[in-house]
Amino acid sequence: MKKFAIEIKWGIIFSFAALLWMMFEKRMGWHDELIAKQPIYTNLFGLVAIAIFLFALYDKRKHFYGGRMSWSQGFVSGIVLTVVITLLTPLMQYITNAWITPHYFENVINYTVETGQMERAAAEEYFNLQSYILMSTFSALAMGIVTAAIVALILRKK
């Protein structure tokens, strides 16, 4: 466990950053009156996610590997970080939808139906907590693996 303390720390930081981002989105109105903008602007969190991966792997390189880290060492660290984030994702989705933005699903369902993007039944099947937990968990895993590979490449140092 001590071997992966840095990844656990940064996984928790990532999760808090994601919750803060959701609060920001809610505050900006992207979960209610400006919901049409949410699918575009939510992708900006990707920059925050990449920055956190950079800081995490830099921390690992500096404090665990003594300033030198191969791509494979960085990639393994990034995978462990990804696993931590992935494990925390369902909890973060629950917190987001229970406390930060409890009317999001209702709002997005109404928006997609009103704009003719989906029928109500399809929208209700797609926009719900269970669906979002599954989507966000698999997304965290996939995006984390890709990000880990790229960041490990950037931060490798022999």
C-alpha atoms as a PDB file:
ATOM      1  CA  MET A   1       0.000   0.000   0.000  1.00  0.00           C
ATOM      2  CA  LYS A   2       2.832   2.383   0.842  1.00  0.00           C
ATOM      3  CA  LYS A   3       4.257   1.688  -2.607  1.00  0.00           C
ATOM      4  CA  PHE A   4       1.169   3.320  -4.128  1.00  0.00           C
ATOM      5  CA  ALA A   5       0.600   6.116  -1.601  1.00  0.00           C
ATOM      6  CA  ILE A   6       1.332   8.801  -4.200  1.00  0.00           C
ATOM      7  CA  GLU A   7      -1.234   7.375  -6.632  1.00  0.00           C
ATOM      8  CA  ILE A   8      -3.858   7.082  -3.890  1.00  0.00           C
ATOM      9  CA  LYS A   9      -3.220  10.675  -2.813  1.00  0.00           C
ATOM     10  CA  TRP A  10      -3.553  11.986  -6.372  1.00  0.00           C
ATOM     11  CA  GLY A  11      -6.606   9.805  -7.052  1.00  0.00           C
ATOM     12  CA  ILE A  12      -8.321  11.468  -4.104  1.00  0.00           C
ATOM     13  CA  ILE A  13      -7.179  14.897  -5.332  1.00  0.00           C
ATOM     14  CA  PHE A  14      -8.564  14.066  -8.781  1.00  0.00           C
ATOM     15  CA  SER A  15     -11.909  13.088  -7.260  1.00  0.00           C
ATOM     16  CA  PHE A  16     -12.156  16.311  -5.272  1.00  0.00           C
ATOM     17  CA  ALA A  17     -11.233  18.281  -8.385  1.00  0.00           C
ATOM     18  CA  ALA A  18     -14.028  16.507 -10.276  1.00  0.00           C
ATOM     19  CA  LEU A  19     -16.511  17.430  -7.558  1.00  0.00           C
ATOM     20  CA  LEU A  20     -15.326  21.047  -7.616  1.00  0.00           C
ATOM     21  CA  TRP A  21     -15.731  21.033 -11.402  1.00  0.00           C
ATOM     22  CA  MET A  22     -19.309  19.805 -11.031  1.00  0.00           C
ATOM     23  CA  MET A  23     -19.977  22.637  -8.567  1.00  0.00           C
ATOM     24  CA  PHE A  24     -18.487  25.044 -11.112  1.00  0.00           C
ATOM     25  CA  GLU A  25     -20.671  23.643 -13.904  1.00  0.00           C
ATOM     26  CA  LYS A  26     -23.744  23.951 -11.701  1.00  0.00           C
ATOM     27  CA  ARG A  27     -22.807  27.523 -10.748  1.00  0.00           C
ATOM     28  CA  MET A  28     -22.305  28.426 -14.419  1.00  0.00           C
ATOM     29  CA  GLY A  29     -25.842  27.244 -15.159  1.00  0.00           C
ATOM     30  CA  TRP A  30     -24.751  24.338 -17.355  1.00  0.00           C
ATOM     31  CA  HIS A  31     -26.993  21.959 -15.428  1.00  0.00           C
ATOM     32  CA  ASP A  32     -30.172  23.999 -15.780  1.00  0.00           C
ATOM     33  CA  GLU A  33     -30.793  27.194 -17.780  1.00  0.00           C
ATOM     34  CA  LEU A  34     -27.684  26.765 -19.987  1.00  0.00           C
ATOM     35  CA  ILE A  35     -27.868  22.976 -20.218  1.00  0.00           C
ATOM     36  CA  ALA A  36     -27.378  23.103 -24.002  1.00  0.00           C
ATOM     37  CA  LYS A  37     -23.774  24.222 -23.388  1.00  0.00           C
ATOM     38  CA  GLN A  38     -22.942  21.483 -20.868  1.00  0.00           C
ATOM     39  CA  PRO A  39     -21.915  18.757 -23.359  1.00  0.00           C
ATOM     40  CA  ILE A  40     -19.337  21.125 -24.844  1.00  0.00           C
ATOM     41  CA  TYR A  41     -17.997  22.854 -21.746  1.00  0.00           C
ATOM     42  CA  THR A  42     -17.778  19.742 -19.585  1.00  0.00           C
ATOM     43  CA  ASN A  43     -14.938  18.584 -21.842  1.00  0.00           C
ATOM     44  CA  LEU A  44     -12.777  21.403 -20.479  1.00  0.00           C
ATOM     45  CA  PHE A  45     -12.337  19.249 -17.381  1.00  0.00           C
ATOM     46  CA  GLY A  46     -10.057  17.133 -19.562  1.00  0.00           C
ATOM     47  CA  LEU A  47      -7.401  19.839 -19.205  1.00  0.00           C
ATOM     48  CA  VAL A  48      -7.695  19.639 -15.424  1.00  0.00           C
ATOM     49  CA  ALA A  49      -7.488  15.839 -15.583  1.00  0.00           C
ATOM     50  CA  ILE A  50      -4.333  15.938 -17.705  1.00  0.00           C
ATOM     51  CA  ALA A  51      -2.758  18.479 -15.348  1.00  0.00           C
ATOM     52  CA  ILE A  52      -3.490  16.253 -12.354  1.00  0.00           C
ATOM     53  CA  PHE A  53      -1.949  13.247 -14.118  1.00  0.00           C
ATOM     54  CA  LEU A  54       1.137  15.349 -14.910  1.00  0.00           C
ATOM     55  CA  PHE A  55       1.476  16.463 -11.291  1.00  0.00           C
ATOM     56  CA  ALA A  56       0.884  12.933 -10.002  1.00  0.00           C
ATOM     57  CA  LEU A  57       3.466  11.263 -12.228  1.00  0.00           C
ATOM     58  CA  TYR A  58       5.938  14.082 -11.645  1.00  0.00           C
ATOM     59  CA  ASP A  59       5.446  13.568  -7.894  1.00  0.00           C
ATOM     60  CA  LYS A  60       6.045   9.833  -8.339  1.00  0.00           C
ATOM     61  CA  ARG A  61       9.170  10.438 -10.414  1.00  0.00           C
ATOM     62  CA  LYS A  62      10.600  12.948  -7.976  1.00  0.00           C
ATOM     63  CA  HIS A  63       9.726  11.364  -4.634  1.00  0.00           C
ATOM     64  CA  PHE A  64       9.612   7.638  -5.362  1.00  0.00           C
ATOM     65  CA  TYR A  65      12.007   7.074  -8.245  1.00  0.00           C
ATOM     66  CA  GLY A  66      14.611   9.674  -7.235  1.00  0.00           C
ATOM     67  CA  GLY A  67      14.166  11.893 -10.282  1.00  0.00           C
ATOM     68  CA  ARG A  68      14.439   9.127 -12.881  1.00  0.00           C
ATOM     69  CA  MET A  69      11.494   7.224 -14.262  1.00  0.00           C
ATOM     70  CA  SER A  70      11.156   5.009 -17.320  1.00  0.00           C
ATOM     71  CA  TRP A  71       8.066   5.039 -19.485  1.00  0.00           C
ATOM     72  CA  SER A  72       6.975   1.671 -18.087  1.00  0.00           C
ATOM     73  CA  GLN A  73       7.367   2.863 -14.485  1.00  0.00           C
ATOM     74  CA  GLY A  74       5.342   5.982 -15.283  1.00  0.00           C
ATOM     75  CA  PHE A  75       2.736   3.984 -17.141  1.00  0.00           C
ATOM     76  CA  VAL A  76       2.279   1.549 -14.243  1.00  0.00           C
ATOM     77  CA  SER A  77       1.952   4.488 -11.872  1.00  0.00           C
ATOM     78  CA  GLY A  78      -0.615   6.052 -14.203  1.00  0.00           C
ATOM     79  CA  ILE A  79      -2.541   2.781 -14.356  1.00  0.00           C
ATOM     80  CA  VAL A  80      -2.625   2.571 -10.554  1.00  0.00           C
ATOM     81  CA  LEU A  81      -3.811   6.199 -10.442  1.00  0.00           C
ATOM     82  CA  THR A  82      -6.471   5.312 -13.003  1.00  0.00           C
ATOM     83  CA  VAL A  83      -7.641   2.360 -10.905  1.00  0.00           C
ATOM     84  CA  VAL A  84      -7.951   4.599  -7.822  1.00  0.00           C
ATOM     85  CA  ILE A  85      -9.944   7.174  -9.807  1.00  0.00           C
ATOM     86  CA  THR A  86     -12.099   4.459 -11.361  1.00  0.00           C
ATOM     87  CA  LEU A  87     -12.890   2.966  -7.962  1.00  0.00           C
ATOM     88  CA  LEU A  88     -13.890   6.395  -6.622  1.00  0.00           C
ATOM     89  CA  THR A  89     -15.974   7.319  -9.679  1.00  0.00           C
ATOM     90  CA  PRO A  90     -19.292   5.753  -8.580  1.00  0.00           C
ATOM     91  CA  LEU A  91     -19.099   7.607  -5.261  1.00  0.00           C
ATOM     92  CA  MET A  92     -18.297  10.875  -7.046  1.00  0.00           C
ATOM     93  CA  GLN A  93     -21.258  10.367  -9.403  1.00  0.00           C
ATOM     94  CA  TYR A  94     -23.545   9.708  -6.463  1.00  0.00           C
ATOM     95  CA  ILE A  95     -22.350  12.818  -4.591  1.00  0.00           C
ATOM     96  CA  THR A  96     -22.682  14.919  -7.735  1.00  0.00           C
ATOM     97  CA  ASN A  97     -26.207  13.807  -8.486  1.00  0.00           C
ATOM     98  CA  ALA A  98     -27.503  13.564  -4.928  1.00  0.00           C
ATOM     99  CA  TRP A  99     -26.129  16.806  -3.516  1.00  0.00           C
ATOM    100  CA  ILE A 100     -24.436  19.067  -6.049  1.00  0.00           C
ATOM    101  CA  THR A 101     -26.967  18.948  -8.852  1.00  0.00           C
ATOM    102  CA  PRO A 102     -29.976  16.843  -7.831  1.00  0.00           C
ATOM    103  CA  HIS A 103     -32.177  18.074 -10.708  1.00  0.00           C
ATOM    104  CA  TYR A 104     -29.657  17.466 -13.483  1.00  0.00           C
ATOM    105  CA  PHE A 105     -31.288  14.315 -14.846  1.00  0.00           C
ATOM    106  CA  GLU A 106     -34.733  15.906 -14.836  1.00  0.00           C
ATOM    107  CA  ASN A 107     -33.345  18.974 -16.627  1.00  0.00           C
ATOM    108  CA  VAL A 108     -31.363  17.074 -19.249  1.00  0.00           C
ATOM    109  CA  ILE A 109     -34.269  14.706 -19.944  1.00  0.00           C
ATOM    110  CA  ASN A 110     -36.625  17.655 -20.454  1.00  0.00           C
ATOM    111  CA  TYR A 111     -34.075  19.419 -22.685  1.00  0.00           C
ATOM    112  CA  THR A 112     -33.432  16.422 -24.935  1.00  0.00           C
ATOM    113  CA  VAL A 113     -37.168  15.730 -25.285  1.00  0.00           C
ATOM    114  CA  GLU A 114     -38.049  19.399 -25.947  1.00  0.00           C
ATOM    115  CA  THR A 115     -35.337  19.719 -28.607  1.00  0.00           C
ATOM    116  CA  GLY A 116     -36.407  16.492 -30.289  1.00  0.00           C
ATOM    117  CA  GLN A 117     -33.099  14.719 -29.671  1.00  0.00           C
ATOM    118  CA  MET A 118     -34.749  11.771 -27.901  1.00  0.00           C
ATOM    119  CA  GLU A 119     -38.120  10.376 -26.987  1.00  0.00           C
ATOM    120  CA  ARG A 120     -38.902  10.635 -23.259  1.00  0.00           C
ATOM    121  CA  ALA A 121     -38.542   6.890 -22.611  1.00  0.00           C
ATOM    122  CA  ALA A 122     -35.121   6.763 -24.281  1.00  0.00           C
ATOM    123  CA  ALA A 123     -33.975   9.895 -22.457  1.00  0.00           C
ATOM    124  CA  GLU A 124     -35.069   8.477 -19.102  1.00  0.00           C
ATOM    125  CA  GLU A 125     -33.253   5.237 -19.841  1.00  0.00           C
ATOM    126  CA  TYR A 126     -30.063   7.092 -20.784  1.00  0.00           C
ATOM    127  CA  PHE A 127     -30.042   9.940 -18.243  1.00  0.00           C
ATOM    128  CA  ASN A 128     -30.135   8.325 -14.806  1.00  0.00           C
ATOM    129  CA  LEU A 129     -27.728   7.626 -11.977  1.00  0.00           C
ATOM    130  CA  GLN A 130     -27.114   3.968 -12.823  1.00  0.00           C
ATOM    131  CA  SER A 131     -26.378   4.763 -16.461  1.00  0.00           C
ATOM    132  CA  TYR A 132     -24.073   7.646 -15.543  1.00  0.00           C
ATOM    133  CA  ILE A 133     -22.195   5.548 -12.987  1.00  0.00           C
ATOM    134  CA  LEU A 134     -21.528   2.907 -15.641  1.00  0.00           C
ATOM    135  CA  MET A 135     -20.580   5.412 -18.345  1.00  0.00           C
ATOM    136  CA  SER A 136     -18.341   7.496 -16.098  1.00  0.00           C
ATOM    137  CA  THR A 137     -16.618   4.427 -14.637  1.00  0.00           C
ATOM    138  CA  PHE A 138     -15.745   2.970 -18.039  1.00  0.00           C
ATOM    139  CA  SER A 139     -14.816   6.423 -19.318  1.00  0.00           C
ATOM    140  CA  ALA A 140     -12.491   6.991 -16.349  1.00  0.00           C
ATOM    141  CA  LEU A 141     -10.806   3.671 -17.039  1.00  0.00           C
ATOM    142  CA  ALA A 142     -10.395   4.219 -20.792  1.00  0.00           C
ATOM    143  CA  MET A 143      -9.339   7.861 -20.614  1.00  0.00           C
ATOM    144  CA  GLY A 144      -7.050   7.145 -17.676  1.00  0.00           C
ATOM    145  CA  ILE A 145      -5.152   4.449 -19.566  1.00  0.00           C
ATOM    146  CA  VAL A 146      -4.639   6.712 -22.580  1.00  0.00           C
ATOM    147  CA  THR A 147      -3.653   9.663 -20.400  1.00  0.00           C
ATOM    148  CA  ALA A 148      -1.269   7.493 -18.368  1.00  0.00           C
ATOM    149  CA  ALA A 149       0.501   6.328 -21.525  1.00  0.00           C
ATOM    150  CA  ILE A 150       0.922   9.853 -22.891  1.00  0.00           C
ATOM    151  CA  VAL A 151       1.925  11.483 -19.604  1.00  0.00           C
ATOM    152  CA  ALA A 152       4.407   8.683 -18.860  1.00  0.00           C
ATOM    153  CA  LEU A 153       5.960   9.352 -22.261  1.00  0.00           C
ATOM    154  CA  ILE A 154       6.232  13.072 -21.526  1.00  0.00           C
ATOM    155  CA  LEU A 155       7.692  12.619 -18.023  1.00  0.00           C
ATOM    156  CA  ARG A 156      10.083   9.718 -18.605  1.00  0.00           C
ATOM    157  CA  LYS A 157      13.594  10.602 -17.590  1.00  0.00           C
ATOM    158  CA  LYS A 158      16.601   8.335 -17.733  1.00  0.00           C
END
